[in-house]
Structures are given as C-alpha cells and as structure tokens.
Amino acid sequence: KISFPKYIVVVSATLTAVINVLINLVVI
C-alpha cells in the first residue's frame, strides 16, 4: 500500500529486541 524504504521494517522489528536487552541489562 505504501512506498517507503523497506529496511525500516526490519530495523523497527529488531529494535524491540534492543529495548528488551536494555531492560535485561538493568536486571543483570
């Protein structure tokens, strides 16, 4: 439906893991 740089989709999906690891880093 929308034309935009496709890499944004992958980057945005992996950023969820970044947020999680930062939270887990606090636990560590």
mmCIF file of all heavy atoms, coordinates in Angstrom:
data_MODEL
# 
_entry.id   MODEL 
# 
loop_
_atom_site.group_PDB 
_atom_site.id 
_atom_site.type_symbol 
_atom_site.label_atom_id 
_atom_site.label_alt_id 
_atom_site.label_comp_id 
_atom_site.label_asym_id 
_atom_site.label_entity_id 
_atom_site.label_seq_id 
_atom_site.pdbx_PDB_ins_code 
_atom_site.Cartn_x 
_atom_site.Cartn_y 
_atom_site.Cartn_z 
_atom_site.occupancy 
_atom_site.B_iso_or_equiv 
_atom_site.pdbx_formal_charge 
_atom_site.auth_seq_id 
_atom_site.auth_comp_id 
_atom_site.auth_asym_id 
_atom_site.auth_atom_id 
_atom_site.pdbx_PDB_model_num 
ATOM 1   N N   . LYS A 1 1  ? 0.802  -1.221 0.000  1.00 0.00 ? 1  LYS A N   1 
ATOM 2   C CA  . LYS A 1 1  ? 0.000  0.000  0.000  1.00 0.00 ? 1  LYS A CA  1 
ATOM 3   C C   . LYS A 1 1  ? 0.836  1.273  0.000  1.00 0.00 ? 1  LYS A C   1 
ATOM 4   O O   . LYS A 1 1  ? 0.430  2.285  -0.570 1.00 0.00 ? 1  LYS A O   1 
ATOM 5   C CB  . LYS A 1 1  ? -0.919 0.015  1.231  1.00 0.00 ? 1  LYS A CB  1 
ATOM 6   C CG  . LYS A 1 1  ? -1.972 -1.083 1.232  1.00 0.00 ? 1  LYS A CG  1 
ATOM 7   C CD  . LYS A 1 1  ? -2.781 -1.050 2.515  1.00 0.00 ? 1  LYS A CD  1 
ATOM 8   C CE  . LYS A 1 1  ? -3.826 -2.163 2.531  1.00 0.00 ? 1  LYS A CE  1 
ATOM 9   N NZ  . LYS A 1 1  ? -4.596 -2.178 3.800  1.00 0.00 ? 1  LYS A NZ  1 
ATOM 10  N N   . ILE A 1 2  ? 2.000  1.229  0.671  1.00 0.00 ? 2  ILE A N   1 
ATOM 11  C CA  . ILE A 1 2  ? 2.799  2.436  0.853  1.00 0.00 ? 2  ILE A CA  1 
ATOM 12  C C   . ILE A 1 2  ? 4.208  2.204  0.328  1.00 0.00 ? 2  ILE A C   1 
ATOM 13  O O   . ILE A 1 2  ? 4.791  1.148  0.552  1.00 0.00 ? 2  ILE A O   1 
ATOM 14  C CB  . ILE A 1 2  ? 2.862  2.838  2.344  1.00 0.00 ? 2  ILE A CB  1 
ATOM 15  C CG1 . ILE A 1 2  ? 1.456  2.990  2.922  1.00 0.00 ? 2  ILE A CG1 1 
ATOM 16  C CG2 . ILE A 1 2  ? 3.644  4.131  2.525  1.00 0.00 ? 2  ILE A CG2 1 
ATOM 17  C CD1 . ILE A 1 2  ? 1.431  3.248  4.406  1.00 0.00 ? 2  ILE A CD1 1 
ATOM 18  N N   . SER A 1 3  ? 4.741  3.210  -0.348 1.00 0.00 ? 3  SER A N   1 
ATOM 19  C CA  . SER A 1 3  ? 6.116  3.138  -0.841 1.00 0.00 ? 3  SER A CA  1 
ATOM 20  C C   . SER A 1 3  ? 7.044  3.834  0.154  1.00 0.00 ? 3  SER A C   1 
ATOM 21  O O   . SER A 1 3  ? 6.906  5.036  0.409  1.00 0.00 ? 3  SER A O   1 
ATOM 22  C CB  . SER A 1 3  ? 6.216  3.807  -2.215 1.00 0.00 ? 3  SER A CB  1 
ATOM 23  O OG  . SER A 1 3  ? 7.555  3.789  -2.671 1.00 0.00 ? 3  SER A OG  1 
ATOM 24  N N   . PHE A 1 4  ? 7.966  3.076  0.733  1.00 0.00 ? 4  PHE A N   1 
ATOM 25  C CA  . PHE A 1 4  ? 8.937  3.618  1.681  1.00 0.00 ? 4  PHE A CA  1 
ATOM 26  C C   . PHE A 1 4  ? 10.134 2.663  1.733  1.00 0.00 ? 4  PHE A C   1 
ATOM 27  O O   . PHE A 1 4  ? 10.046 1.522  1.276  1.00 0.00 ? 4  PHE A O   1 
ATOM 28  C CB  . PHE A 1 4  ? 8.312  3.763  3.077  1.00 0.00 ? 4  PHE A CB  1 
ATOM 29  C CG  . PHE A 1 4  ? 7.872  2.455  3.684  1.00 0.00 ? 4  PHE A CG  1 
ATOM 30  C CD1 . PHE A 1 4  ? 8.691  1.738  4.538  1.00 0.00 ? 4  PHE A CD1 1 
ATOM 31  C CD2 . PHE A 1 4  ? 6.611  1.931  3.389  1.00 0.00 ? 4  PHE A CD2 1 
ATOM 32  C CE1 . PHE A 1 4  ? 8.281  0.538  5.082  1.00 0.00 ? 4  PHE A CE1 1 
ATOM 33  C CE2 . PHE A 1 4  ? 6.195  0.724  3.929  1.00 0.00 ? 4  PHE A CE2 1 
ATOM 34  C CZ  . PHE A 1 4  ? 7.038  0.030  4.781  1.00 0.00 ? 4  PHE A CZ  1 
ATOM 35  N N   . PRO A 1 5  ? 11.271 3.112  2.267  1.00 0.00 ? 5  PRO A N   1 
ATOM 36  C CA  . PRO A 1 5  ? 12.460 2.235  2.340  1.00 0.00 ? 5  PRO A CA  1 
ATOM 37  C C   . PRO A 1 5  ? 12.148 0.971  3.133  1.00 0.00 ? 5  PRO A C   1 
ATOM 38  O O   . PRO A 1 5  ? 11.759 1.038  4.299  1.00 0.00 ? 5  PRO A O   1 
ATOM 39  C CB  . PRO A 1 5  ? 13.496 3.112  3.052  1.00 0.00 ? 5  PRO A CB  1 
ATOM 40  C CG  . PRO A 1 5  ? 13.068 4.512  2.761  1.00 0.00 ? 5  PRO A CG  1 
ATOM 41  C CD  . PRO A 1 5  ? 11.565 4.471  2.732  1.00 0.00 ? 5  PRO A CD  1 
ATOM 42  N N   . LYS A 1 6  ? 12.346 -0.167 2.518  1.00 0.00 ? 6  LYS A N   1 
ATOM 43  C CA  . LYS A 1 6  ? 11.954 -1.437 3.132  1.00 0.00 ? 6  LYS A CA  1 
ATOM 44  C C   . LYS A 1 6  ? 12.810 -1.810 4.349  1.00 0.00 ? 6  LYS A C   1 
ATOM 45  O O   . LYS A 1 6  ? 12.354 -2.567 5.208  1.00 0.00 ? 6  LYS A O   1 
ATOM 46  C CB  . LYS A 1 6  ? 12.020 -2.567 2.093  1.00 0.00 ? 6  LYS A CB  1 
ATOM 47  C CG  . LYS A 1 6  ? 11.274 -2.279 0.798  1.00 0.00 ? 6  LYS A CG  1 
ATOM 48  C CD  . LYS A 1 6  ? 9.804  -2.036 1.034  1.00 0.00 ? 6  LYS A CD  1 
ATOM 49  C CE  . LYS A 1 6  ? 9.025  -1.905 -0.266 1.00 0.00 ? 6  LYS A CE  1 
ATOM 50  N NZ  . LYS A 1 6  ? 9.415  -0.735 -1.091 1.00 0.00 ? 6  LYS A NZ  1 
ATOM 51  N N   . TYR A 1 7  ? 14.038 -1.293 4.403  1.00 0.00 ? 7  TYR A N   1 
ATOM 52  C CA  . TYR A 1 7  ? 14.898 -1.649 5.534  1.00 0.00 ? 7  TYR A CA  1 
ATOM 53  C C   . TYR A 1 7  ? 14.328 -1.165 6.856  1.00 0.00 ? 7  TYR A C   1 
ATOM 54  O O   . TYR A 1 7  ? 14.643 -1.710 7.919  1.00 0.00 ? 7  TYR A O   1 
ATOM 55  C CB  . TYR A 1 7  ? 16.308 -1.091 5.320  1.00 0.00 ? 7  TYR A CB  1 
ATOM 56  C CG  . TYR A 1 7  ? 16.411 0.408  5.435  1.00 0.00 ? 7  TYR A CG  1 
ATOM 57  C CD1 . TYR A 1 7  ? 16.624 1.010  6.682  1.00 0.00 ? 7  TYR A CD1 1 
ATOM 58  C CD2 . TYR A 1 7  ? 16.304 1.235  4.323  1.00 0.00 ? 7  TYR A CD2 1 
ATOM 59  C CE1 . TYR A 1 7  ? 16.725 2.390  6.802  1.00 0.00 ? 7  TYR A CE1 1 
ATOM 60  C CE2 . TYR A 1 7  ? 16.406 2.607  4.440  1.00 0.00 ? 7  TYR A CE2 1 
ATOM 61  C CZ  . TYR A 1 7  ? 16.613 3.185  5.680  1.00 0.00 ? 7  TYR A CZ  1 
ATOM 62  O OH  . TYR A 1 7  ? 16.705 4.546  5.794  1.00 0.00 ? 7  TYR A OH  1 
ATOM 63  N N   . ILE A 1 8  ? 13.475 -0.141 6.801  1.00 0.00 ? 8  ILE A N   1 
ATOM 64  C CA  . ILE A 1 8  ? 12.872 0.395  8.026  1.00 0.00 ? 8  ILE A CA  1 
ATOM 65  C C   . ILE A 1 8  ? 12.052 -0.678 8.735  1.00 0.00 ? 8  ILE A C   1 
ATOM 66  O O   . ILE A 1 8  ? 12.010 -0.730 9.968  1.00 0.00 ? 8  ILE A O   1 
ATOM 67  C CB  . ILE A 1 8  ? 11.993 1.625  7.695  1.00 0.00 ? 8  ILE A CB  1 
ATOM 68  C CG1 . ILE A 1 8  ? 12.869 2.759  7.170  1.00 0.00 ? 8  ILE A CG1 1 
ATOM 69  C CG2 . ILE A 1 8  ? 11.214 2.081  8.926  1.00 0.00 ? 8  ILE A CG2 1 
ATOM 70  C CD1 . ILE A 1 8  ? 12.085 3.991  6.759  1.00 0.00 ? 8  ILE A CD1 1 
ATOM 71  N N   . VAL A 1 9  ? 11.429 -1.550 7.962  1.00 0.00 ? 9  VAL A N   1 
ATOM 72  C CA  . VAL A 1 9  ? 10.604 -2.612 8.541  1.00 0.00 ? 9  VAL A CA  1 
ATOM 73  C C   . VAL A 1 9  ? 11.458 -3.555 9.386  1.00 0.00 ? 9  VAL A C   1 
ATOM 74  O O   . VAL A 1 9  ? 11.091 -3.915 10.515 1.00 0.00 ? 9  VAL A O   1 
ATOM 75  C CB  . VAL A 1 9  ? 9.890  -3.406 7.423  1.00 0.00 ? 9  VAL A CB  1 
ATOM 76  C CG1 . VAL A 1 9  ? 9.155  -4.601 8.011  1.00 0.00 ? 9  VAL A CG1 1 
ATOM 77  C CG2 . VAL A 1 9  ? 8.928  -2.515 6.668  1.00 0.00 ? 9  VAL A CG2 1 
ATOM 78  N N   . VAL A 1 10 ? 12.607 -3.941 8.860  1.00 0.00 ? 10 VAL A N   1 
ATOM 79  C CA  . VAL A 1 10 ? 13.491 -4.849 9.583  1.00 0.00 ? 10 VAL A CA  1 
ATOM 80  C C   . VAL A 1 10 ? 14.100 -4.169 10.804 1.00 0.00 ? 10 VAL A C   1 
ATOM 81  O O   . VAL A 1 10 ? 14.156 -4.751 11.898 1.00 0.00 ? 10 VAL A O   1 
ATOM 82  C CB  . VAL A 1 10 ? 14.611 -5.370 8.656  1.00 0.00 ? 10 VAL A CB  1 
ATOM 83  C CG1 . VAL A 1 10 ? 15.552 -6.294 9.417  1.00 0.00 ? 10 VAL A CG1 1 
ATOM 84  C CG2 . VAL A 1 10 ? 14.013 -6.098 7.463  1.00 0.00 ? 10 VAL A CG2 1 
ATOM 85  N N   . VAL A 1 11 ? 14.546 -2.933 10.622 1.00 0.00 ? 11 VAL A N   1 
ATOM 86  C CA  . VAL A 1 11 ? 15.160 -2.202 11.745 1.00 0.00 ? 11 VAL A CA  1 
ATOM 87  C C   . VAL A 1 11 ? 14.161 -2.015 12.872 1.00 0.00 ? 11 VAL A C   1 
ATOM 88  O O   . VAL A 1 11 ? 14.477 -2.230 14.047 1.00 0.00 ? 11 VAL A O   1 
ATOM 89  C CB  . VAL A 1 11 ? 15.706 -0.833 11.270 1.00 0.00 ? 11 VAL A CB  1 
ATOM 90  C CG1 . VAL A 1 11 ? 16.168 -0.007 12.456 1.00 0.00 ? 11 VAL A CG1 1 
ATOM 91  C CG2 . VAL A 1 11 ? 16.848 -1.026 10.286 1.00 0.00 ? 11 VAL A CG2 1 
ATOM 92  N N   . SER A 1 12 ? 12.934 -1.627 12.534 1.00 0.00 ? 12 SER A N   1 
ATOM 93  C CA  . SER A 1 12 ? 11.921 -1.395 13.570 1.00 0.00 ? 12 SER A CA  1 
ATOM 94  C C   . SER A 1 12 ? 11.582 -2.684 14.307 1.00 0.00 ? 12 SER A C   1 
ATOM 95  O O   . SER A 1 12 ? 11.328 -2.674 15.519 1.00 0.00 ? 12 SER A O   1 
ATOM 96  C CB  . SER A 1 12 ? 10.657 -0.795 12.945 1.00 0.00 ? 12 SER A CB  1 
ATOM 97  O OG  . SER A 1 12 ? 10.088 -1.695 12.005 1.00 0.00 ? 12 SER A OG  1 
ATOM 98  N N   . ALA A 1 13 ? 11.598 -3.811 13.587 1.00 0.00 ? 13 ALA A N   1 
ATOM 99  C CA  . ALA A 1 13 ? 11.291 -5.098 14.220 1.00 0.00 ? 13 ALA A CA  1 
ATOM 100 C C   . ALA A 1 13 ? 12.388 -5.501 15.194 1.00 0.00 ? 13 ALA A C   1 
ATOM 101 O O   . ALA A 1 13 ? 12.112 -5.999 16.296 1.00 0.00 ? 13 ALA A O   1 
ATOM 102 C CB  . ALA A 1 13 ? 11.107 -6.179 13.156 1.00 0.00 ? 13 ALA A CB  1 
ATOM 103 N N   . THR A 1 14 ? 13.640 -5.280 14.809 1.00 0.00 ? 14 THR A N   1 
ATOM 104 C CA  . THR A 1 14 ? 14.757 -5.674 15.679 1.00 0.00 ? 14 THR A CA  1 
ATOM 105 C C   . THR A 1 14 ? 14.939 -4.733 16.861 1.00 0.00 ? 14 THR A C   1 
ATOM 106 O O   . THR A 1 14 ? 15.541 -5.117 17.865 1.00 0.00 ? 14 THR A O   1 
ATOM 107 C CB  . THR A 1 14 ? 16.071 -5.731 14.873 1.00 0.00 ? 14 THR A CB  1 
ATOM 108 O OG1 . THR A 1 14 ? 16.305 -4.461 14.243 1.00 0.00 ? 14 THR A OG1 1 
ATOM 109 C CG2 . THR A 1 14 ? 16.015 -6.817 13.812 1.00 0.00 ? 14 THR A CG2 1 
ATOM 110 N N   . LEU A 1 15 ? 14.434 -3.509 16.757 1.00 0.00 ? 15 LEU A N   1 
ATOM 111 C CA  . LEU A 1 15 ? 14.568 -2.564 17.875 1.00 0.00 ? 15 LEU A CA  1 
ATOM 112 C C   . LEU A 1 15 ? 13.804 -3.029 19.111 1.00 0.00 ? 15 LEU A C   1 
ATOM 113 O O   . LEU A 1 15 ? 14.120 -2.626 20.226 1.00 0.00 ? 15 LEU A O   1 
ATOM 114 C CB  . LEU A 1 15 ? 14.093 -1.171 17.449 1.00 0.00 ? 15 LEU A CB  1 
ATOM 115 C CG  . LEU A 1 15 ? 15.049 -0.389 16.546 1.00 0.00 ? 15 LEU A CG  1 
ATOM 116 C CD1 . LEU A 1 15 ? 14.448 0.956  16.170 1.00 0.00 ? 15 LEU A CD1 1 
ATOM 117 C CD2 . LEU A 1 15 ? 16.401 -0.193 17.225 1.00 0.00 ? 15 LEU A CD2 1 
ATOM 118 N N   . THR A 1 16 ? 12.806 -3.868 18.911 1.00 0.00 ? 16 THR A N   1 
ATOM 119 C CA  . THR A 1 16 ? 12.099 -4.455 20.053 1.00 0.00 ? 16 THR A CA  1 
ATOM 120 C C   . THR A 1 16 ? 13.058 -5.258 20.917 1.00 0.00 ? 16 THR A C   1 
ATOM 121 O O   . THR A 1 16 ? 13.014 -5.193 22.156 1.00 0.00 ? 16 THR A O   1 
ATOM 122 C CB  . THR A 1 16 ? 10.958 -5.372 19.570 1.00 0.00 ? 16 THR A CB  1 
ATOM 123 O OG1 . THR A 1 16 ? 10.067 -4.631 18.751 1.00 0.00 ? 16 THR A OG1 1 
ATOM 124 C CG2 . THR A 1 16 ? 10.191 -5.946 20.748 1.00 0.00 ? 16 THR A CG2 1 
ATOM 125 N N   . ALA A 1 17 ? 13.939 -6.004 20.261 1.00 0.00 ? 17 ALA A N   1 
ATOM 126 C CA  . ALA A 1 17 ? 14.934 -6.790 20.991 1.00 0.00 ? 17 ALA A CA  1 
ATOM 127 C C   . ALA A 1 17 ? 15.928 -5.883 21.712 1.00 0.00 ? 17 ALA A C   1 
ATOM 128 O O   . ALA A 1 17 ? 16.397 -6.221 22.805 1.00 0.00 ? 17 ALA A O   1 
ATOM 129 C CB  . ALA A 1 17 ? 15.669 -7.716 20.031 1.00 0.00 ? 17 ALA A CB  1 
ATOM 130 N N   . VAL A 1 18 ? 16.239 -4.748 21.115 1.00 0.00 ? 18 VAL A N   1 
ATOM 131 C CA  . VAL A 1 18 ? 17.158 -3.791 21.754 1.00 0.00 ? 18 VAL A CA  1 
ATOM 132 C C   . VAL A 1 18 ? 16.559 -3.266 23.047 1.00 0.00 ? 18 VAL A C   1 
ATOM 133 O O   . VAL A 1 18 ? 17.237 -3.176 24.083 1.00 0.00 ? 18 VAL A O   1 
ATOM 134 C CB  . VAL A 1 18 ? 17.488 -2.622 20.802 1.00 0.00 ? 18 VAL A CB  1 
ATOM 135 C CG1 . VAL A 1 18 ? 18.329 -1.569 21.524 1.00 0.00 ? 18 VAL A CG1 1 
ATOM 136 C CG2 . VAL A 1 18 ? 18.213 -3.133 19.565 1.00 0.00 ? 18 VAL A CG2 1 
ATOM 137 N N   . ILE A 1 19 ? 15.289 -2.908 22.999 1.00 0.00 ? 19 ILE A N   1 
ATOM 138 C CA  . ILE A 1 19 ? 14.608 -2.416 24.205 1.00 0.00 ? 19 ILE A CA  1 
ATOM 139 C C   . ILE A 1 19 ? 14.613 -3.490 25.289 1.00 0.00 ? 19 ILE A C   1 
ATOM 140 O O   . ILE A 1 19 ? 14.884 -3.207 26.464 1.00 0.00 ? 19 ILE A O   1 
ATOM 141 C CB  . ILE A 1 19 ? 13.162 -1.984 23.866 1.00 0.00 ? 19 ILE A CB  1 
ATOM 142 C CG1 . ILE A 1 19 ? 13.178 -0.794 22.905 1.00 0.00 ? 19 ILE A CG1 1 
ATOM 143 C CG2 . ILE A 1 19 ? 12.392 -1.637 25.139 1.00 0.00 ? 19 ILE A CG2 1 
ATOM 144 C CD1 . ILE A 1 19 ? 11.811 -0.406 22.381 1.00 0.00 ? 19 ILE A CD1 1 
ATOM 145 N N   . ASN A 1 20 ? 14.338 -4.716 24.887 1.00 0.00 ? 20 ASN A N   1 
ATOM 146 C CA  . ASN A 1 20 ? 14.309 -5.815 25.853 1.00 0.00 ? 20 ASN A CA  1 
ATOM 147 C C   . ASN A 1 20 ? 15.673 -6.064 26.479 1.00 0.00 ? 20 ASN A C   1 
ATOM 148 O O   . ASN A 1 20 ? 15.785 -6.308 27.685 1.00 0.00 ? 20 ASN A O   1 
ATOM 149 C CB  . ASN A 1 20 ? 13.801 -7.093 25.184 1.00 0.00 ? 20 ASN A CB  1 
ATOM 150 C CG  . ASN A 1 20 ? 12.320 -7.045 24.872 1.00 0.00 ? 20 ASN A CG  1 
ATOM 151 O OD1 . ASN A 1 20 ? 11.574 -6.292 25.491 1.00 0.00 ? 20 ASN A OD1 1 
ATOM 152 N ND2 . ASN A 1 20 ? 11.898 -7.829 23.897 1.00 0.00 ? 20 ASN A ND2 1 
ATOM 153 N N   . VAL A 1 21 ? 16.730 -6.005 25.676 1.00 0.00 ? 21 VAL A N   1 
ATOM 154 C CA  . VAL A 1 21 ? 18.056 -6.283 26.224 1.00 0.00 ? 21 VAL A CA  1 
ATOM 155 C C   . VAL A 1 21 ? 18.505 -5.153 27.155 1.00 0.00 ? 21 VAL A C   1 
ATOM 156 O O   . VAL A 1 21 ? 19.230 -5.393 28.127 1.00 0.00 ? 21 VAL A O   1 
ATOM 157 C CB  . VAL A 1 21 ? 19.089 -6.512 25.101 1.00 0.00 ? 21 VAL A CB  1 
ATOM 158 C CG1 . VAL A 1 21 ? 19.569 -5.196 24.488 1.00 0.00 ? 21 VAL A CG1 1 
ATOM 159 C CG2 . VAL A 1 21 ? 20.293 -7.286 25.637 1.00 0.00 ? 21 VAL A CG2 1 
ATOM 160 N N   . LEU A 1 22 ? 18.079 -3.937 26.897 1.00 0.00 ? 22 LEU A N   1 
ATOM 161 C CA  . LEU A 1 22 ? 18.419 -2.829 27.799 1.00 0.00 ? 22 LEU A CA  1 
ATOM 162 C C   . LEU A 1 22 ? 17.737 -3.014 29.154 1.00 0.00 ? 22 LEU A C   1 
ATOM 163 O O   . LEU A 1 22 ? 18.324 -2.734 30.206 1.00 0.00 ? 22 LEU A O   1 
ATOM 164 C CB  . LEU A 1 22 ? 18.024 -1.496 27.166 1.00 0.00 ? 22 LEU A CB  1 
ATOM 165 C CG  . LEU A 1 22 ? 18.836 -1.075 25.927 1.00 0.00 ? 22 LEU A CG  1 
ATOM 166 C CD1 . LEU A 1 22 ? 18.305 0.239  25.363 1.00 0.00 ? 22 LEU A CD1 1 
ATOM 167 C CD2 . LEU A 1 22 ? 20.314 -0.967 26.265 1.00 0.00 ? 22 LEU A CD2 1 
ATOM 168 N N   . ILE A 1 23 ? 16.494 -3.480 29.116 1.00 0.00 ? 23 ILE A N   1 
ATOM 169 C CA  . ILE A 1 23 ? 15.787 -3.766 30.369 1.00 0.00 ? 23 ILE A CA  1 
ATOM 170 C C   . ILE A 1 23 ? 16.474 -4.913 31.102 1.00 0.00 ? 23 ILE A C   1 
ATOM 171 O O   . ILE A 1 23 ? 16.696 -4.861 32.317 1.00 0.00 ? 23 ILE A O   1 
ATOM 172 C CB  . ILE A 1 23 ? 14.311 -4.112 30.088 1.00 0.00 ? 23 ILE A CB  1 
ATOM 173 C CG1 . ILE A 1 23 ? 13.587 -2.900 29.495 1.00 0.00 ? 23 ILE A CG1 1 
ATOM 174 C CG2 . ILE A 1 23 ? 13.615 -4.580 31.368 1.00 0.00 ? 23 ILE A CG2 1 
ATOM 175 C CD1 . ILE A 1 23 ? 12.173 -3.197 29.033 1.00 0.00 ? 23 ILE A CD1 1 
ATOM 176 N N   . ASN A 1 24 ? 16.827 -5.950 30.349 1.00 0.00 ? 24 ASN A N   1 
ATOM 177 C CA  . ASN A 1 24 ? 17.510 -7.093 30.955 1.00 0.00 ? 24 ASN A CA  1 
ATOM 178 C C   . ASN A 1 24 ? 18.891 -6.725 31.479 1.00 0.00 ? 24 ASN A C   1 
ATOM 179 O O   . ASN A 1 24 ? 19.374 -7.327 32.445 1.00 0.00 ? 24 ASN A O   1 
ATOM 180 C CB  . ASN A 1 24 ? 17.628 -8.230 29.936 1.00 0.00 ? 24 ASN A CB  1 
ATOM 181 C CG  . ASN A 1 24 ? 16.299 -8.890 29.640 1.00 0.00 ? 24 ASN A CG  1 
ATOM 182 O OD1 . ASN A 1 24 ? 15.403 -8.886 30.475 1.00 0.00 ? 24 ASN A OD1 1 
ATOM 183 N ND2 . ASN A 1 24 ? 16.162 -9.443 28.456 1.00 0.00 ? 24 ASN A ND2 1 
ATOM 184 N N   . LEU A 1 25 ? 19.529 -5.751 30.840 1.00 0.00 ? 25 LEU A N   1 
ATOM 185 C CA  . LEU A 1 25 ? 20.841 -5.301 31.301 1.00 0.00 ? 25 LEU A CA  1 
ATOM 186 C C   . LEU A 1 25 ? 20.744 -4.684 32.693 1.00 0.00 ? 25 LEU A C   1 
ATOM 187 O O   . LEU A 1 25 ? 21.646 -4.858 33.523 1.00 0.00 ? 25 LEU A O   1 
ATOM 188 C CB  . LEU A 1 25 ? 21.425 -4.288 30.309 1.00 0.00 ? 25 LEU A CB  1 
ATOM 189 C CG  . LEU A 1 25 ? 22.863 -3.838 30.566 1.00 0.00 ? 25 LEU A CG  1 
ATOM 190 C CD1 . LEU A 1 25 ? 23.815 -5.022 30.522 1.00 0.00 ? 25 LEU A CD1 1 
ATOM 191 C CD2 . LEU A 1 25 ? 23.280 -2.786 29.539 1.00 0.00 ? 25 LEU A CD2 1 
ATOM 192 N N   . VAL A 1 26 ? 19.660 -3.977 32.945 1.00 0.00 ? 26 VAL A N   1 
ATOM 193 C CA  . VAL A 1 26 ? 19.432 -3.422 34.284 1.00 0.00 ? 26 VAL A CA  1 
ATOM 194 C C   . VAL A 1 26 ? 19.304 -4.545 35.304 1.00 0.00 ? 26 VAL A C   1 
ATOM 195 O O   . VAL A 1 26 ? 19.857 -4.470 36.412 1.00 0.00 ? 26 VAL A O   1 
ATOM 196 C CB  . VAL A 1 26 ? 18.162 -2.533 34.290 1.00 0.00 ? 26 VAL A CB  1 
ATOM 197 C CG1 . VAL A 1 26 ? 17.845 -2.071 35.711 1.00 0.00 ? 26 VAL A CG1 1 
ATOM 198 C CG2 . VAL A 1 26 ? 18.344 -1.338 33.367 1.00 0.00 ? 26 VAL A CG2 1 
ATOM 199 N N   . VAL A 1 27 ? 18.596 -5.609 34.921 1.00 0.00 ? 27 VAL A N   1 
ATOM 200 C CA  . VAL A 1 27 ? 18.444 -6.768 35.802 1.00 0.00 ? 27 VAL A CA  1 
ATOM 201 C C   . VAL A 1 27 ? 19.804 -7.404 36.080 1.00 0.00 ? 27 VAL A C   1 
ATOM 202 O O   . VAL A 1 27 ? 20.116 -7.776 37.215 1.00 0.00 ? 27 VAL A O   1 
ATOM 203 C CB  . VAL A 1 27 ? 17.487 -7.803 35.177 1.00 0.00 ? 27 VAL A CB  1 
ATOM 204 C CG1 . VAL A 1 27 ? 17.407 -9.053 36.049 1.00 0.00 ? 27 VAL A CG1 1 
ATOM 205 C CG2 . VAL A 1 27 ? 16.099 -7.200 34.996 1.00 0.00 ? 27 VAL A CG2 1 
ATOM 206 N N   . ILE A 1 28 ? 20.631 -7.530 35.041 1.00 0.00 ? 28 ILE A N   1 
ATOM 207 C CA  . ILE A 1 28 ? 21.968 -8.115 35.207 1.00 0.00 ? 28 ILE A CA  1 
ATOM 208 C C   . ILE A 1 28 ? 22.797 -7.280 36.174 1.00 0.00 ? 28 ILE A C   1 
ATOM 209 O O   . ILE A 1 28 ? 23.490 -7.821 37.049 1.00 0.00 ? 28 ILE A O   1 
ATOM 210 C CB  . ILE A 1 28 ? 22.687 -8.219 33.850 1.00 0.00 ? 28 ILE A CB  1 
ATOM 211 C CG1 . ILE A 1 28 ? 21.996 -9.243 32.957 1.00 0.00 ? 28 ILE A CG1 1 
ATOM 212 C CG2 . ILE A 1 28 ? 24.154 -8.601 34.043 1.00 0.00 ? 28 ILE A CG2 1 
ATOM 213 C CD1 . ILE A 1 28 ? 22.574 -9.315 31.560 1.00 0.00 ? 28 ILE A CD1 1 
# 
